[in-house]
Amino acid sequence: MTKTFSSYVSSIISFSNSAIIVLIGVALVVFLWGGVRYIYRTQETGRSNPADKTALLWGLISLFVLVSLAGIISVMQQSLLP
């Protein structure tokens, strides 16, 4: 059975969509974990930890990038594939 270019692209897109969903879950966990640690340590000591702020920042950045990437892939899929 021969595969067309369209079927190869569709399989790559479905794999990337699955990978992006998993990575969004990981980024969300990192963001929430950094937020919980930031709030807990700030209430406990009165000071914030820079590592917790960094986890919050990178979690937020990665969420933004991954959701944007999912949107770009979706737009490209709708416009390029029949």
C-alpha atoms as a PDB file:
ATOM      1  CA  MET A   1       0.000   0.000   0.000  1.00  0.00           C
ATOM      2  CA  THR A   2       1.471   3.337  -1.008  1.00  0.00           C
ATOM      3  CA  LYS A   3       1.153   6.372   1.162  1.00  0.00           C
ATOM      4  CA  THR A   4       0.698   9.842  -0.178  1.00  0.00           C
ATOM      5  CA  PHE A   5       2.423  12.977   1.006  1.00  0.00           C
ATOM      6  CA  SER A   6      -0.814  14.051   2.633  1.00  0.00           C
ATOM      7  CA  SER A   7      -0.972  10.902   4.760  1.00  0.00           C
ATOM      8  CA  TYR A   8       2.630  11.389   5.910  1.00  0.00           C
ATOM      9  CA  VAL A   9       1.927  14.977   6.874  1.00  0.00           C
ATOM     10  CA  SER A  10      -1.266  13.954   8.670  1.00  0.00           C
ATOM     11  CA  SER A  11       0.576  11.338  10.723  1.00  0.00           C
ATOM     12  CA  ILE A  12       3.308  13.817  11.652  1.00  0.00           C
ATOM     13  CA  ILE A  13       0.714  16.397  12.663  1.00  0.00           C
ATOM     14  CA  SER A  14      -1.226  13.905  14.783  1.00  0.00           C
ATOM     15  CA  PHE A  15       1.996  12.877  16.548  1.00  0.00           C
ATOM     16  CA  SER A  16       2.982  16.502  17.142  1.00  0.00           C
ATOM     17  CA  ASN A  17      -0.476  17.321  18.501  1.00  0.00           C
ATOM     18  CA  SER A  18      -0.185  14.452  20.976  1.00  0.00           C
ATOM     19  CA  ALA A  19       3.306  15.542  22.002  1.00  0.00           C
ATOM     20  CA  ILE A  20       2.182  19.146  22.438  1.00  0.00           C
ATOM     21  CA  ILE A  21      -0.702  18.075  24.690  1.00  0.00           C
ATOM     22  CA  VAL A  22       1.717  16.138  26.914  1.00  0.00           C
ATOM     23  CA  LEU A  23       4.171  19.041  27.001  1.00  0.00           C
ATOM     24  CA  ILE A  24       1.382  21.501  27.866  1.00  0.00           C
ATOM     25  CA  GLY A  25       0.506  19.254  30.794  1.00  0.00           C
ATOM     26  CA  VAL A  26       4.123  19.258  31.969  1.00  0.00           C
ATOM     27  CA  ALA A  27       4.372  23.041  31.603  1.00  0.00           C
ATOM     28  CA  LEU A  28       1.145  23.478  33.555  1.00  0.00           C
ATOM     29  CA  VAL A  29       2.473  21.296  36.373  1.00  0.00           C
ATOM     30  CA  VAL A  30       5.724  23.302  36.479  1.00  0.00           C
ATOM     31  CA  PHE A  31       3.783  26.573  36.543  1.00  0.00           C
ATOM     32  CA  LEU A  32       1.426  25.422  39.293  1.00  0.00           C
ATOM     33  CA  TRP A  33       4.227  23.859  41.331  1.00  0.00           C
ATOM     34  CA  GLY A  34       6.223  27.095  41.147  1.00  0.00           C
ATOM     35  CA  GLY A  35       3.142  29.070  42.184  1.00  0.00           C
ATOM     36  CA  VAL A  36       2.411  26.840  45.161  1.00  0.00           C
ATOM     37  CA  ARG A  37       6.032  26.952  46.292  1.00  0.00           C
ATOM     38  CA  TYR A  38       6.140  30.738  45.833  1.00  0.00           C
ATOM     39  CA  ILE A  39       2.994  31.297  47.889  1.00  0.00           C
ATOM     40  CA  TYR A  40       3.983  28.795  50.585  1.00  0.00           C
ATOM     41  CA  ARG A  41       7.500  30.152  51.060  1.00  0.00           C
ATOM     42  CA  THR A  42       6.354  33.769  50.981  1.00  0.00           C
ATOM     43  CA  GLN A  43       3.796  33.113  53.715  1.00  0.00           C
ATOM     44  CA  GLU A  44       6.252  31.050  55.725  1.00  0.00           C
ATOM     45  CA  THR A  45       9.300  33.331  55.650  1.00  0.00           C
ATOM     46  CA  GLY A  46       7.961  36.636  54.409  1.00  0.00           C
ATOM     47  CA  ARG A  47      10.409  36.519  51.507  1.00  0.00           C
ATOM     48  CA  SER A  48      10.099  35.073  48.053  1.00  0.00           C
ATOM     49  CA  ASN A  49      12.592  32.638  46.591  1.00  0.00           C
ATOM     50  CA  PRO A  50      14.066  33.557  43.185  1.00  0.00           C
ATOM     51  CA  ALA A  51      13.962  29.890  42.101  1.00  0.00           C
ATOM     52  CA  ASP A  52      10.196  29.842  42.592  1.00  0.00           C
ATOM     53  CA  LYS A  53       9.795  33.008  40.547  1.00  0.00           C
ATOM     54  CA  THR A  54      11.937  31.424  37.833  1.00  0.00           C
ATOM     55  CA  ALA A  55       9.757  28.288  37.785  1.00  0.00           C
ATOM     56  CA  LEU A  56       6.659  30.468  37.461  1.00  0.00           C
ATOM     57  CA  LEU A  57       8.192  32.485  34.651  1.00  0.00           C
ATOM     58  CA  TRP A  58       9.449  29.488  32.646  1.00  0.00           C
ATOM     59  CA  GLY A  59       6.182  27.629  33.164  1.00  0.00           C
ATOM     60  CA  LEU A  60       4.263  30.618  31.831  1.00  0.00           C
ATOM     61  CA  ILE A  61       6.616  31.109  28.885  1.00  0.00           C
ATOM     62  CA  SER A  62       6.471  27.442  27.936  1.00  0.00           C
ATOM     63  CA  LEU A  63       2.667  27.424  28.167  1.00  0.00           C
ATOM     64  CA  PHE A  64       2.508  30.440  25.864  1.00  0.00           C
ATOM     65  CA  VAL A  65       4.923  28.945  23.342  1.00  0.00           C
ATOM     66  CA  LEU A  66       3.240  25.528  23.285  1.00  0.00           C
ATOM     67  CA  VAL A  67      -0.292  26.898  22.925  1.00  0.00           C
ATOM     68  CA  SER A  68       0.918  29.228  20.175  1.00  0.00           C
ATOM     69  CA  LEU A  69       2.621  26.332  18.424  1.00  0.00           C
ATOM     70  CA  ALA A  70      -0.557  24.255  18.633  1.00  0.00           C
ATOM     71  CA  GLY A  71      -2.504  27.134  17.094  1.00  0.00           C
ATOM     72  CA  ILE A  72       0.003  27.609  14.297  1.00  0.00           C
ATOM     73  CA  ILE A  73      -0.056  23.892  13.491  1.00  0.00           C
ATOM     74  CA  SER A  74      -3.836  23.914  13.471  1.00  0.00           C
ATOM     75  CA  VAL A  75      -3.991  26.891  11.105  1.00  0.00           C
ATOM     76  CA  MET A  76      -1.414  25.355   8.787  1.00  0.00           C
ATOM     77  CA  GLN A  77      -3.240  22.035   8.814  1.00  0.00           C
ATOM     78  CA  GLN A  78      -6.544  23.657   7.894  1.00  0.00           C
ATOM     79  CA  SER A  79      -5.053  25.812   5.164  1.00  0.00           C
ATOM     80  CA  LEU A  80      -2.591  23.396   3.558  1.00  0.00           C
ATOM     81  CA  LEU A  81      -4.204  19.975   3.858  1.00  0.00           C
ATOM     82  CA  PRO A  82      -7.472  19.213   2.042  1.00  0.00           C
END
